[in-house]
PDB file of N, CA and C in Angstrom:
ATOM      1  N   MET A   1     106.265  95.241  56.729  1.00  0.00           N
ATOM      2  CA  MET A   1     106.819  95.146  58.055  1.00  0.00           C
ATOM      3  C   MET A   1     105.696  95.282  59.088  1.00  0.00           C
ATOM      4  N   GLN A   2     105.627  94.328  59.996  1.00  0.00           N
ATOM      5  CA  GLN A   2     104.586  94.353  61.020  1.00  0.00           C
ATOM      6  C   GLN A   2     105.078  95.096  62.256  1.00  0.00           C
ATOM      7  N   ARG A   3     104.143  95.830  62.870  1.00  0.00           N
ATOM      8  CA  ARG A   3     104.476  96.539  64.106  1.00  0.00           C
ATOM      9  C   ARG A   3     104.115  95.669  65.299  1.00  0.00           C
ATOM     10  N   ARG A   4     104.949  95.652  66.277  1.00  0.00           N
ATOM     11  CA  ARG A   4     104.676  94.903  67.505  1.00  0.00           C
ATOM     12  C   ARG A   4     104.036  95.847  68.516  1.00  0.00           C
ATOM     13  N   PHE A   5     102.948  95.404  69.100  1.00  0.00           N
ATOM     14  CA  PHE A   5     102.254  96.234  70.078  1.00  0.00           C
ATOM     15  C   PHE A   5     102.901  96.152  71.457  1.00  0.00           C
ATOM     16  N   ILE A   6     103.466  95.007  71.773  1.00  0.00           N
ATOM     17  CA  ILE A   6     104.128  94.832  73.063  1.00  0.00           C
ATOM     18  C   ILE A   6     105.618  94.667  72.816  1.00  0.00           C
ATOM     19  N   LYS A   7     106.380  95.506  73.460  1.00  0.00           N
ATOM     20  CA  LYS A   7     107.828  95.468  73.306  1.00  0.00           C
ATOM     21  C   LYS A   7     108.447  94.756  74.504  1.00  0.00           C
ATOM     22  N   LYS A   8     109.719  94.470  74.423  1.00  0.00           N
ATOM     23  CA  LYS A   8     110.415  93.794  75.515  1.00  0.00           C
ATOM     24  C   LYS A   8     110.381  94.633  76.787  1.00  0.00           C
ATOM     25  N   ALA A   9     110.486  95.931  76.658  1.00  0.00           N
ATOM     26  CA  ALA A   9     110.441  96.811  77.829  1.00  0.00           C
ATOM     27  C   ALA A   9     109.071  96.752  78.504  1.00  0.00           C
ATOM     28  N   ASP A  10     107.994  96.617  77.715  1.00  0.00           N
ATOM     29  CA  ASP A  10     106.649  96.491  78.275  1.00  0.00           C
ATOM     30  C   ASP A  10     106.524  95.207  79.083  1.00  0.00           C
ATOM     31  N   ILE A  11     107.056  94.128  78.558  1.00  0.00           N
ATOM     32  CA  ILE A  11     107.000  92.842  79.256  1.00  0.00           C
ATOM     33  C   ILE A  11     107.798  92.917  80.555  1.00  0.00           C
ATOM     34  N   ALA A  12     108.954  93.557  80.527  1.00  0.00           N
ATOM     35  CA  ALA A  12     109.770  93.705  81.732  1.00  0.00           C
ATOM     36  C   ALA A  12     109.037  94.539  82.781  1.00  0.00           C
ATOM     37  N   LEU A  13     108.384  95.609  82.364  1.00  0.00           N
ATOM     38  CA  LEU A  13     107.638  96.455  83.293  1.00  0.00           C
ATOM     39  C   LEU A  13     106.480  95.686  83.921  1.00  0.00           C
ATOM     40  N   ILE A  14     105.752  94.931  83.132  1.00  0.00           N
ATOM     41  CA  ILE A  14     104.645  94.122  83.650  1.00  0.00           C
ATOM     42  C   ILE A  14     105.168  93.092  84.644  1.00  0.00           C
ATOM     43  N   ALA A  15     106.296  92.462  84.348  1.00  0.00           N
ATOM     44  CA  ALA A  15     106.880  91.466  85.253  1.00  0.00           C
ATOM     45  C   ALA A  15     107.277  92.096  86.584  1.00  0.00           C
ATOM     46  N   VAL A  16     107.862  93.287  86.540  1.00  0.00           N
ATOM     47  CA  VAL A  16     108.256  93.972  87.774  1.00  0.00           C
ATOM     48  C   VAL A  16     107.025  94.324  88.602  1.00  0.00           C
ATOM     49  N   ILE A  17     105.987  94.836  87.971  1.00  0.00           N
ATOM     50  CA  ILE A  17     104.757  95.196  88.686  1.00  0.00           C
ATOM     51  C   ILE A  17     104.123  93.964  89.318  1.00  0.00           C
ATOM     52  N   LEU A  18     104.077  92.854  88.603  1.00  0.00           N
ATOM     53  CA  LEU A  18     103.517  91.619  89.153  1.00  0.00           C
ATOM     54  C   LEU A  18     104.339  91.103  90.333  1.00  0.00           C
ATOM     55  N   CYS A  19     105.655  91.176  90.240  1.00  0.00           N
ATOM     56  CA  CYS A  19     106.517  90.722  91.341  1.00  0.00           C
ATOM     57  C   CYS A  19     106.320  91.581  92.590  1.00  0.00           C
ATOM     58  N   VAL A  20     106.244  92.886  92.414  1.00  0.00           N
ATOM     59  CA  VAL A  20     106.028  93.777  93.554  1.00  0.00           C
ATOM     60  C   VAL A  20     104.655  93.509  94.176  1.00  0.00           C
ATOM     61  N   GLY A  21     103.641  93.334  93.352  1.00  0.00           N
ATOM     62  CA  GLY A  21     102.303  93.031  93.861  1.00  0.00           C
ATOM     63  C   GLY A  21     102.265  91.718  94.626  1.00  0.00           C
ATOM     64  N   ALA A  22     102.915  90.695  94.105  1.00  0.00           N
ATOM     65  CA  ALA A  22     102.959  89.399  94.783  1.00  0.00           C
ATOM     66  C   ALA A  22     103.694  89.509  96.115  1.00  0.00           C
ATOM     67  N   ALA A  23     104.795  90.256  96.144  1.00  0.00           N
ATOM     68  CA  ALA A  23     105.544  90.429  97.394  1.00  0.00           C
ATOM     69  C   ALA A  23     104.706  91.152  98.443  1.00  0.00           C
ATOM     70  N   LEU A  24     103.953  92.166  98.033  1.00  0.00           N
ATOM     71  CA  LEU A  24     103.094  92.882  98.977  1.00  0.00           C
ATOM     72  C   LEU A  24     101.986  91.989  99.514  1.00  0.00           C
ATOM     73  N   LEU A  25     101.402  91.160  98.669  1.00  0.00           N
ATOM     74  CA  LEU A  25     100.369  90.237  99.133  1.00  0.00           C
ATOM     75  C   LEU A  25     100.928  89.219 100.118  1.00  0.00           C
ATOM     76  N   ILE A  26     102.085  88.682  99.808  1.00  0.00           N
ATOM     77  CA  ILE A  26     102.701  87.711 100.714  1.00  0.00           C
ATOM     78  C   ILE A  26     103.014  88.373 102.053  1.00  0.00           C
ATOM     79  N   TRP A  27     103.566  89.580 102.038  1.00  0.00           N
ATOM     80  CA  TRP A  27     103.897  90.290 103.270  1.00  0.00           C
ATOM     81  C   TRP A  27     102.641  90.576 104.091  1.00  0.00           C
ATOM     82  N   ARG A  28     101.546  90.921 103.437  1.00  0.00           N
ATOM     83  CA  ARG A  28     100.300  91.259 104.136  1.00  0.00           C
ATOM     84  C   ARG A  28      99.724  90.069 104.886  1.00  0.00           C
ATOM     85  N   PHE A  29      99.852  88.874 104.325  1.00  0.00           N
ATOM     86  CA  PHE A  29      99.210  87.716 104.921  1.00  0.00           C
ATOM     87  C   PHE A  29     100.145  86.836 105.741  1.00  0.00           C
ATOM     88  N   LEU A  30     101.400  87.238 105.898  1.00  0.00           N
ATOM     89  CA  LEU A  30     102.296  86.495 106.782  1.00  0.00           C
ATOM     90  C   LEU A  30     101.875  86.719 108.228  1.00  0.00           C
ATOM     91  N   PRO A  31     101.951  85.686 109.057  1.00  0.00           N
ATOM     92  CA  PRO A  31     101.596  85.884 110.462  1.00  0.00           C
ATOM     93  C   PRO A  31     102.600  86.798 111.157  1.00  0.00           C
ATOM     94  N   SER A  32     102.109  87.553 112.097  1.00  0.00           N
ATOM     95  CA  SER A  32     102.942  88.507 112.819  1.00  0.00           C
ATOM     96  C   SER A  32     103.250  87.963 114.214  1.00  0.00           C
ATOM     97  N   ASN A  33     104.430  88.264 114.735  1.00  0.00           N
ATOM     98  CA  ASN A  33     104.798  87.852 116.088  1.00  0.00           C
ATOM     99  C   ASN A  33     104.405  88.906 117.116  1.00  0.00           C
ATOM    100  N   GLU A  34     103.770  89.945 116.666  1.00  0.00           N
ATOM    101  CA  GLU A  34     103.389  91.055 117.523  1.00  0.00           C
ATOM    102  C   GLU A  34     102.267  90.628 118.472  1.00  0.00           C
ATOM    103  N   LYS A  35     102.346  91.098 119.730  1.00  0.00           N
ATOM    104  CA  LYS A  35     101.267  90.830 120.679  1.00  0.00           C
ATOM    105  C   LYS A  35     100.075  91.700 120.298  1.00  0.00           C
ATOM    106  N   THR A  36      98.929  91.073 120.164  1.00  0.00           N
ATOM    107  CA  THR A  36      97.727  91.782 119.743  1.00  0.00           C
ATOM    108  C   THR A  36      96.703  91.741 120.866  1.00  0.00           C
ATOM    109  N   GLU A  37      96.040  92.870 121.078  1.00  0.00           N
ATOM    110  CA  GLU A  37      95.032  92.977 122.118  1.00  0.00           C
ATOM    111  C   GLU A  37      93.723  93.453 121.494  1.00  0.00           C
ATOM    112  N   ALA A  38      92.635  92.779 121.827  1.00  0.00           N
ATOM    113  CA  ALA A  38      91.313  93.190 121.364  1.00  0.00           C
ATOM    114  C   ALA A  38      90.714  94.124 122.404  1.00  0.00           C
ATOM    115  N   VAL A  39      90.330  95.305 121.956  1.00  0.00           N
ATOM    116  CA  VAL A  39      89.655  96.258 122.834  1.00  0.00           C
ATOM    117  C   VAL A  39      88.198  96.288 122.403  1.00  0.00           C
ATOM    118  N   ILE A  40      87.312  95.939 123.328  1.00  0.00           N
ATOM    119  CA  ILE A  40      85.881  95.871 123.035  1.00  0.00           C
ATOM    120  C   ILE A  40      85.211  97.072 123.694  1.00  0.00           C
ATOM    121  N   TYR A  41      84.559  97.874 122.869  1.00  0.00           N
ATOM    122  CA  TYR A  41      83.842  99.051 123.346  1.00  0.00           C
ATOM    123  C   TYR A  41      82.348  98.759 123.314  1.00  0.00           C
ATOM    124  N   ALA A  42      81.644  99.116 124.386  1.00  0.00           N
ATOM    125  CA  ALA A  42      80.185  98.997 124.426  1.00  0.00           C
ATOM    126  C   ALA A  42      79.639 100.323 124.940  1.00  0.00           C
ATOM    127  N   GLY A  43      78.785 100.944 124.167  1.00  0.00           N
ATOM    128  CA  GLY A  43      78.218 102.228 124.551  1.00  0.00           C
ATOM    129  C   GLY A  43      79.251 103.341 124.626  1.00  0.00           C
ATOM    130  N   GLY A  44      80.298 103.253 123.830  1.00  0.00           N
ATOM    131  CA  GLY A  44      81.324 104.284 123.803  1.00  0.00           C
ATOM    132  C   GLY A  44      82.386 104.149 124.885  1.00  0.00           C
ATOM    133  N   GLU A  45      82.231 103.206 125.798  1.00  0.00           N
ATOM    134  CA  GLU A  45      83.184 102.982 126.884  1.00  0.00           C
ATOM    135  C   GLU A  45      83.947 101.685 126.639  1.00  0.00           C
ATOM    136  N   VAL A  46      85.163 101.606 127.167  1.00  0.00           N
ATOM    137  CA  VAL A  46      85.916 100.353 127.065  1.00  0.00           C
ATOM    138  C   VAL A  46      85.230  99.320 127.949  1.00  0.00           C
ATOM    139  N   TYR A  47      84.752  98.256 127.329  1.00  0.00           N
ATOM    140  CA  TYR A  47      84.054  97.196 128.050  1.00  0.00           C
ATOM    141  C   TYR A  47      85.041  96.149 128.556  1.00  0.00           C
ATOM    142  N   ARG A  48      86.006  95.778 127.684  1.00  0.00           N
ATOM    143  CA  ARG A  48      86.956  94.732 128.059  1.00  0.00           C
ATOM    144  C   ARG A  48      88.169  94.766 127.137  1.00  0.00           C
ATOM    145  N   ARG A  49      89.321  94.388 127.684  1.00  0.00           N
ATOM    146  CA  ARG A  49      90.554  94.220 126.913  1.00  0.00           C
ATOM    147  C   ARG A  49      90.975  92.764 127.045  1.00  0.00           C
ATOM    148  N   VAL A  50      91.234  92.145 125.904  1.00  0.00           N
ATOM    149  CA  VAL A  50      91.601  90.728 125.903  1.00  0.00           C
ATOM    150  C   VAL A  50      92.822  90.548 125.017  1.00  0.00           C
ATOM    151  N   THR A  51      93.853  89.874 125.532  1.00  0.00           N
ATOM    152  CA  THR A  51      95.032  89.568 124.737  1.00  0.00           C
ATOM    153  C   THR A  51      94.717  88.387 123.835  1.00  0.00           C
ATOM    154  N   LEU A  52      95.014  88.541 122.557  1.00  0.00           N
ATOM    155  CA  LEU A  52      94.760  87.462 121.604  1.00  0.00           C
ATOM    156  C   LEU A  52      96.008  86.597 121.500  1.00  0.00           C
ATOM    157  N   ASP A  53      95.958  85.456 122.106  1.00  0.00           N
ATOM    158  CA  ASP A  53      97.013  84.479 121.906  1.00  0.00           C
ATOM    159  C   ASP A  53      96.349  83.176 121.489  1.00  0.00           C
ATOM    160  N   LYS A  54      97.142  82.230 121.107  1.00  0.00           N
ATOM    161  CA  LYS A  54      96.594  80.985 120.560  1.00  0.00           C
ATOM    162  C   LYS A  54      95.809  80.190 121.596  1.00  0.00           C
ATOM    163  N   SER A  55      96.066  80.423 122.890  1.00  0.00           N
ATOM    164  CA  SER A  55      95.381  79.640 123.914  1.00  0.00           C
ATOM    165  C   SER A  55      94.047  80.252 124.338  1.00  0.00           C
ATOM    166  N   ALA A  56      93.781  81.492 123.950  1.00  0.00           N
ATOM    167  CA  ALA A  56      92.532  82.143 124.351  1.00  0.00           C
ATOM    168  C   ALA A  56      91.347  81.503 123.635  1.00  0.00           C
ATOM    169  N   ASP A  57      90.342  81.123 124.413  1.00  0.00           N
ATOM    170  CA  ASP A  57      89.112  80.552 123.863  1.00  0.00           C
ATOM    171  C   ASP A  57      87.974  80.978 124.777  1.00  0.00           C
ATOM    172  N   MET A  58      87.253  82.029 124.388  1.00  0.00           N
ATOM    173  CA  MET A  58      86.184  82.522 125.247  1.00  0.00           C
ATOM    174  C   MET A  58      85.075  83.157 124.427  1.00  0.00           C
ATOM    175  N   THR A  59      83.937  83.288 125.074  1.00  0.00           N
ATOM    176  CA  THR A  59      82.783  83.947 124.482  1.00  0.00           C
ATOM    177  C   THR A  59      82.404  85.109 125.390  1.00  0.00           C
ATOM    178  N   ILE A  60      82.239  86.282 124.808  1.00  0.00           N
ATOM    179  CA  ILE A  60      81.900  87.484 125.572  1.00  0.00           C
ATOM    180  C   ILE A  60      80.547  87.991 125.087  1.00  0.00           C
ATOM    181  N   THR A  61      79.674  88.305 126.040  1.00  0.00           N
ATOM    182  CA  THR A  61      78.352  88.831 125.700  1.00  0.00           C
ATOM    183  C   THR A  61      78.127  90.129 126.473  1.00  0.00           C
ATOM    184  N   PRO A  62      78.417  91.282 125.866  1.00  0.00           N
ATOM    185  CA  PRO A  62      78.157  92.554 126.555  1.00  0.00           C
ATOM    186  C   PRO A  62      76.656  92.747 126.783  1.00  0.00           C
ATOM    187  N   ASP A  63      76.322  93.499 127.825  1.00  0.00           N
ATOM    188  CA  ASP A  63      74.921  93.756 128.159  1.00  0.00           C
ATOM    189  C   ASP A  63      74.412  94.917 127.305  1.00  0.00           C
ATOM    190  N   THR A  64      74.049  94.604 126.056  1.00  0.00           N
ATOM    191  CA  THR A  64      73.558  95.623 125.130  1.00  0.00           C
ATOM    192  C   THR A  64      72.240  95.163 124.523  1.00  0.00           C
ATOM    193  N   ASP A  65      71.564  96.095 123.894  1.00  0.00           N
ATOM    194  CA  ASP A  65      70.340  95.751 123.179  1.00  0.00           C
ATOM    195  C   ASP A  65      70.457  96.341 121.785  1.00  0.00           C
ATOM    196  N   PRO A  66      70.470  95.596 120.728  1.00  0.00           N
ATOM    197  CA  PRO A  66      70.325  94.141 120.622  1.00  0.00           C
ATOM    198  C   PRO A  66      71.564  93.397 121.131  1.00  0.00           C
ATOM    199  N   LYS A  67      71.371  92.142 121.458  1.00  0.00           N
ATOM    200  CA  LYS A  67      72.439  91.304 122.004  1.00  0.00           C
ATOM    201  C   LYS A  67      73.447  90.938 120.925  1.00  0.00           C
ATOM    202  N   VAL A  68      74.721  90.876 121.312  1.00  0.00           N
ATOM    203  CA  VAL A  68      75.780  90.393 120.429  1.00  0.00           C
ATOM    204  C   VAL A  68      76.609  89.370 121.191  1.00  0.00           C
ATOM    205  N   VAL A  69      77.164  88.423 120.455  1.00  0.00           N
ATOM    206  CA  VAL A  69      78.056  87.418 121.027  1.00  0.00           C
ATOM    207  C   VAL A  69      79.396  87.548 120.317  1.00  0.00           C
ATOM    208  N   ILE A  70      80.452  87.747 121.089  1.00  0.00           N
ATOM    209  CA  ILE A  70      81.802  87.905 120.551  1.00  0.00           C
ATOM    210  C   ILE A  70      82.601  86.662 120.906  1.00  0.00           C
ATOM    211  N   LYS A  71      83.246  86.081 119.917  1.00  0.00           N
ATOM    212  CA  LYS A  71      84.029  84.851 120.112  1.00  0.00           C
ATOM    213  C   LYS A  71      85.505  85.163 119.936  1.00  0.00           C
ATOM    214  N   ILE A  72      86.329  84.615 120.830  1.00  0.00           N
ATOM    215  CA  ILE A  72      87.782  84.749 120.747  1.00  0.00           C
ATOM    216  C   ILE A  72      88.372  83.349 120.763  1.00  0.00           C
ATOM    217  N   LYS A  73      89.126  83.033 119.715  1.00  0.00           N
ATOM    218  CA  LYS A  73      89.714  81.700 119.620  1.00  0.00           C
ATOM    219  C   LYS A  73      90.840  81.718 118.589  1.00  0.00           C
ATOM    220  N   ASP A  74      91.910  80.972 118.854  1.00  0.00           N
ATOM    221  CA  ASP A  74      93.027  80.787 117.916  1.00  0.00           C
ATOM    222  C   ASP A  74      93.620  82.105 117.421  1.00  0.00           C
ATOM    223  N   GLY A  75      93.740  83.082 118.300  1.00  0.00           N
ATOM    224  CA  GLY A  75      94.366  84.342 117.919  1.00  0.00           C
ATOM    225  C   GLY A  75      93.494  85.255 117.084  1.00  0.00           C
ATOM    226  N   ALA A  76      92.193  85.007 117.057  1.00  0.00           N
ATOM    227  CA  ALA A  76      91.267  85.837 116.282  1.00  0.00           C
ATOM    228  C   ALA A  76      90.059  86.193 117.147  1.00  0.00           C
ATOM    229  N   VAL A  77      89.392  87.270 116.787  1.00  0.00           N
ATOM    230  CA  VAL A  77      88.166  87.679 117.464  1.00  0.00           C
ATOM    231  C   VAL A  77      87.145  88.034 116.395  1.00  0.00           C
ATOM    232  N   TRP A  78      85.870  87.724 116.665  1.00  0.00           N
ATOM    233  CA  TRP A  78      84.827  88.027 115.696  1.00  0.00           C
ATOM    234  C   TRP A  78      83.469  88.061 116.383  1.00  0.00           C
ATOM    235  N   PHE A  79      82.512  88.707 115.705  1.00  0.00           N
ATOM    236  CA  PHE A  79      81.124  88.681 116.145  1.00  0.00           C
ATOM    237  C   PHE A  79      80.542  87.347 115.698  1.00  0.00           C
ATOM    238  N   GLU A  80      80.195  86.503 116.653  1.00  0.00           N
ATOM    239  CA  GLU A  80      79.657  85.192 116.304  1.00  0.00           C
ATOM    240  C   GLU A  80      78.160  85.266 116.013  1.00  0.00           C
ATOM    241  N   ASP A  81      77.448  86.092 116.771  1.00  0.00           N
ATOM    242  CA  ASP A  81      76.006  86.203 116.567  1.00  0.00           C
ATOM    243  C   ASP A  81      75.554  87.590 117.009  1.00  0.00           C
ATOM    244  N   ALA A  82      74.464  88.048 116.420  1.00  0.00           N
ATOM    245  CA  ALA A  82      73.891  89.344 116.782  1.00  0.00           C
ATOM    246  C   ALA A  82      72.395  89.313 116.508  1.00  0.00           C
ATOM    247  N   ASP A  83      71.646  90.027 117.341  1.00  0.00           N
ATOM    248  CA  ASP A  83      70.196  90.092 117.170  1.00  0.00           C
ATOM    249  C   ASP A  83      69.766  91.212 116.235  1.00  0.00           C
ATOM    250  N   CYS A  84      70.710  91.954 115.688  1.00  0.00           N
ATOM    251  CA  CYS A  84      70.343  93.056 114.795  1.00  0.00           C
ATOM    252  C   CYS A  84      69.854  92.513 113.446  1.00  0.00           C
ATOM    253  N   ARG A  85      69.200  93.368 112.686  1.00  0.00           N
ATOM    254  CA  ARG A  85      68.516  92.941 111.474  1.00  0.00           C
ATOM    255  C   ARG A  85      69.459  92.489 110.362  1.00  0.00           C
ATOM    256  N   ASP A  86      70.459  93.284 110.034  1.00  0.00           N
ATOM    257  CA  ASP A  86      71.309  92.983 108.882  1.00  0.00           C
ATOM    258  C   ASP A  86      72.460  92.033 109.179  1.00  0.00           C
ATOM    259  N   LYS A  87      72.879  91.967 110.432  1.00  0.00           N
ATOM    260  CA  LYS A  87      74.008  91.125 110.856  1.00  0.00           C
ATOM    261  C   LYS A  87      75.290  91.438 110.083  1.00  0.00           C
ATOM    262  N   LEU A  88      75.492  92.708 109.768  1.00  0.00           N
ATOM    263  CA  LEU A  88      76.718  93.102 109.066  1.00  0.00           C
ATOM    264  C   LEU A  88      77.959  92.838 109.912  1.00  0.00           C
ATOM    265  N   CYS A  89      77.814  92.947 111.229  1.00  0.00           N
ATOM    266  CA  CYS A  89      78.965  92.693 112.101  1.00  0.00           C
ATOM    267  C   CYS A  89      79.392  91.228 112.026  1.00  0.00           C
ATOM    268  N   VAL A  90      78.444  90.320 111.940  1.00  0.00           N
ATOM    269  CA  VAL A  90      78.761  88.891 111.830  1.00  0.00           C
ATOM    270  C   VAL A  90      79.431  88.613 110.489  1.00  0.00           C
ATOM    271  N   LYS A  91      78.990  89.304 109.448  1.00  0.00           N
ATOM    272  CA  LYS A  91      79.550  89.106 108.108  1.00  0.00           C
ATOM    273  C   LYS A  91      80.938  89.733 107.956  1.00  0.00           C
ATOM    274  N   SER A  92      81.352  90.558 108.912  1.00  0.00           N
ATOM    275  CA  SER A  92      82.663  91.209 108.797  1.00  0.00           C
ATOM    276  C   SER A  92      83.816  90.232 108.977  1.00  0.00           C
ATOM    277  N   GLY A  93      83.571  89.071 109.540  1.00  0.00           N
ATOM    278  CA  GLY A  93      84.596  88.029 109.617  1.00  0.00           C
ATOM    279  C   GLY A  93      85.522  88.164 110.808  1.00  0.00           C
ATOM    280  N   LYS A  94      86.616  87.398 110.755  1.00  0.00           N
ATOM    281  CA  LYS A  94      87.566  87.328 111.859  1.00  0.00           C
ATOM    282  C   LYS A  94      88.587  88.460 111.773  1.00  0.00           C
ATOM    283  N   LEU A  95      88.892  89.029 112.925  1.00  0.00           N
ATOM    284  CA  LEU A  95      89.900  90.074 113.039  1.00  0.00           C
ATOM    285  C   LEU A  95      91.154  89.438 113.623  1.00  0.00           C
ATOM    286  N   THR A  96      92.298  89.616 112.948  1.00  0.00           N
ATOM    287  CA  THR A  96      93.521  88.965 113.400  1.00  0.00           C
ATOM    288  C   THR A  96      94.717  89.898 113.489  1.00  0.00           C
ATOM    289  N   ARG A  97      94.700  91.028 112.806  1.00  0.00           N
ATOM    290  CA  ARG A  97      95.875  91.900 112.731  1.00  0.00           C
ATOM    291  C   ARG A  97      95.595  93.241 113.402  1.00  0.00           C
ATOM    292  N   PRO A  98      96.611  93.832 114.030  1.00  0.00           N
ATOM    293  CA  PRO A  98      96.424  95.158 114.622  1.00  0.00           C
ATOM    294  C   PRO A  98      95.903  96.154 113.587  1.00  0.00           C
ATOM    295  N   GLY A  99      94.927  96.947 114.017  1.00  0.00           N
ATOM    296  CA  GLY A  99      94.302  97.906 113.116  1.00  0.00           C
ATOM    297  C   GLY A  99      92.968  97.420 112.585  1.00  0.00           C
ATOM    298  N   ASP A 100      92.716  96.109 112.640  1.00  0.00           N
ATOM    299  CA  ASP A 100      91.426  95.579 112.192  1.00  0.00           C
ATOM    300  C   ASP A 100      90.328  96.056 113.137  1.00  0.00           C
ATOM    301  N   THR A 101      89.169  96.380 112.577  1.00  0.00           N
ATOM    302  CA  THR A 101      88.045  96.883 113.361  1.00  0.00           C
ATOM    303  C   THR A 101      86.750  96.310 112.818  1.00  0.00           C
ATOM    304  N   ALA A 102      85.831  95.991 113.716  1.00  0.00           N
ATOM    305  CA  ALA A 102      84.477  95.580 113.336  1.00  0.00           C
ATOM    306  C   ALA A 102      83.518  96.233 114.322  1.00  0.00           C
ATOM    307  N   ALA A 103      82.306  96.542 113.850  1.00  0.00           N
ATOM    308  CA  ALA A 103      81.343  97.226 114.708  1.00  0.00           C
ATOM    309  C   ALA A 103      79.944  96.707 114.466  1.00  0.00           C
ATOM    310  N   CYS A 104      79.167  96.654 115.532  1.00  0.00           N
ATOM    311  CA  CYS A 104      77.727  96.412 115.446  1.00  0.00           C
ATOM    312  C   CYS A 104      77.080  97.732 115.866  1.00  0.00           C
ATOM    313  N   LEU A 105      76.684  98.527 114.898  1.00  0.00           N
ATOM    314  CA  LEU A 105      76.173  99.863 115.193  1.00  0.00           C
ATOM    315  C   LEU A 105      74.853  99.854 115.956  1.00  0.00           C
ATOM    316  N   PRO A 106      73.891  98.955 115.640  1.00  0.00           N
ATOM    317  CA  PRO A 106      72.657  98.968 116.431  1.00  0.00           C
ATOM    318  C   PRO A 106      72.898  98.686 117.917  1.00  0.00           C
ATOM    319  N   ALA A 107      73.876  97.835 118.232  1.00  0.00           N
ATOM    320  CA  ALA A 107      74.172  97.508 119.629  1.00  0.00           C
ATOM    321  C   ALA A 107      75.175  98.478 120.244  1.00  0.00           C
ATOM    322  N   GLY A 108      75.867  99.239 119.422  1.00  0.00           N
ATOM    323  CA  GLY A 108      76.875 100.165 119.928  1.00  0.00           C
ATOM    324  C   GLY A 108      78.132  99.465 120.419  1.00  0.00           C
ATOM    325  N   VAL A 109      78.471  98.331 119.798  1.00  0.00           N
ATOM    326  CA  VAL A 109      79.648  97.552 120.191  1.00  0.00           C
ATOM    327  C   VAL A 109      80.686  97.622 119.076  1.00  0.00           C
ATOM    328  N   VAL A 110      81.928  97.920 119.454  1.00  0.00           N
ATOM    329  CA  VAL A 110      83.031  98.011 118.501  1.00  0.00           C
ATOM    330  C   VAL A 110      84.175  97.140 119.007  1.00  0.00           C
ATOM    331  N   ILE A 111      84.775  96.374 118.097  1.00  0.00           N
ATOM    332  CA  ILE A 111      85.977  95.603 118.417  1.00  0.00           C
ATOM    333  C   ILE A 111      87.114  96.214 117.615  1.00  0.00           C
ATOM    334  N   ARG A 112      88.199  96.539 118.307  1.00  0.00           N
ATOM    335  CA  ARG A 112      89.369  97.127 117.642  1.00  0.00           C
ATOM    336  C   ARG A 112      90.610  96.396 118.123  1.00  0.00           C
ATOM    337  N   LEU A 113      91.455  95.987 117.198  1.00  0.00           N
ATOM    338  CA  LEU A 113      92.681  95.297 117.564  1.00  0.00           C
ATOM    339  C   LEU A 113      93.831  96.286 117.631  1.00  0.00           C
ATOM    340  N   GLU A 114      94.582  96.214 118.719  1.00  0.00           N
ATOM    341  CA  GLU A 114      95.744  97.067 118.913  1.00  0.00           C
ATOM    342  C   GLU A 114      96.970  96.183 119.050  1.00  0.00           C
ATOM    343  N   GLY A 115      98.079  96.648 118.508  1.00  0.00           N
ATOM    344  CA  GLY A 115      99.317  95.892 118.580  1.00  0.00           C
ATOM    345  C   GLY A 115     100.306  96.529 119.531  1.00  0.00           C
ATOM    346  N   SER A 116     101.367  95.788 119.823  1.00  0.00           N
ATOM    347  CA  SER A 116     102.392  96.294 120.729  1.00  0.00           C
ATOM    348  C   SER A 116     103.357  97.241 120.023  1.00  0.00           C
ATOM    349  N   GLU A 117     103.426  97.173 118.699  1.00  0.00           N
ATOM    350  CA  GLU A 117     104.321  98.044 117.936  1.00  0.00           C
ATOM    351  C   GLU A 117     103.567  99.274 117.443  1.00  0.00           C
ATOM    352  N   LYS A 118     104.237 100.402 117.451  1.00  0.00           N
ATOM    353  CA  LYS A 118     103.615 101.621 116.936  1.00  0.00           C
ATOM    354  C   LYS A 118     103.751 101.659 115.418  1.00  0.00           C
ATOM    355  N   ARG A 119     102.725 102.180 114.749  1.00  0.00           N
ATOM    356  CA  ARG A 119     102.701 102.244 113.291  1.00  0.00           C
ATOM    357  C   ARG A 119     102.308 103.646 112.853  1.00  0.00           C
ATOM    358  N   HIS A 120     102.603 103.956 111.602  1.00  0.00           N
ATOM    359  CA  HIS A 120     102.182 105.224 111.008  1.00  0.00           C
ATOM    360  C   HIS A 120     100.848 105.018 110.309  1.00  0.00           C
ATOM    361  N   ASP A 121      99.916 105.937 110.555  1.00  0.00           N
ATOM    362  CA  ASP A 121      98.646 105.928 109.850  1.00  0.00           C
ATOM    363  C   ASP A 121      98.878 106.522 108.465  1.00  0.00           C
ATOM    364  N   ALA A 122      98.517 105.795 107.432  1.00  0.00           N
ATOM    365  CA  ALA A 122      98.786 106.234 106.061  1.00  0.00           C
ATOM    366  C   ALA A 122      97.972 107.471 105.686  1.00  0.00           C
ATOM    367  N   LEU A 123      96.812 107.666 106.291  1.00  0.00           N
ATOM    368  CA  LEU A 123      95.969 108.805 105.932  1.00  0.00           C
ATOM    369  C   LEU A 123      96.363 110.078 106.665  1.00  0.00           C
ATOM    370  N   THR A 124      96.589 109.960 107.972  1.00  0.00           N
ATOM    371  CA  THR A 124      96.854 111.160 108.757  1.00  0.00           C
ATOM    372  C   THR A 124      98.332 111.412 108.998  1.00  0.00           C
ATOM    373  N   GLY A 125      99.165 110.385 108.853  1.00  0.00           N
ATOM    374  CA  GLY A 125     100.588 110.532 109.109  1.00  0.00           C
ATOM    375  C   GLY A 125     100.944 110.458 110.579  1.00  0.00           C
ATOM    376  N   ARG A 126      99.956 110.229 111.434  1.00  0.00           N
ATOM    377  CA  ARG A 126     100.201 110.131 112.870  1.00  0.00           C
ATOM    378  C   ARG A 126     100.730 108.749 113.232  1.00  0.00           C
ATOM    379  N   ILE A 127     101.395 108.687 114.368  1.00  0.00           N
ATOM    380  CA  ILE A 127     101.830 107.398 114.900  1.00  0.00           C
ATOM    381  C   ILE A 127     100.700 106.872 115.763  1.00  0.00           C
ATOM    382  N   CYS A 128     100.293 105.645 115.501  1.00  0.00           N
ATOM    383  CA  CYS A 128      99.210 105.037 116.263  1.00  0.00           C
ATOM    384  C   CYS A 128      99.587 103.600 116.583  1.00  0.00           C
ATOM    385  N   GLN A 129      98.756 102.950 117.383  1.00  0.00           N
ATOM    386  CA  GLN A 129      99.003 101.546 117.713  1.00  0.00           C
ATOM    387  C   GLN A 129      98.209 100.640 116.845  1.00  0.00           C
TER     388      GLN A 129
END
């Protein structure tokens, strides 16, 4: 008599886990109808607030050293160029959802997206935007 290593219950459990994982991925990448605002900090101060909508198309260059160029287009914001050595901020990609953050530490510039809906922070349990 041969023993089976995988039983029907194991297959059912794997199927449930895969379905839940797929549903979470789909939910994460669905577009949101929430109004999103990009808050740009330079030198620890709020430099500018920009509403991200599909019609926004602008380039922002804060007066910092090293220089950074921030691009806003099609509901996304990102560091387009930077004079810093590693360019990690440029490699961070486009920010589109509330809570997304990117920073250029040598220039002291931070981009943070805030939404109109309040959310719970999973780490601290606080309500934040």
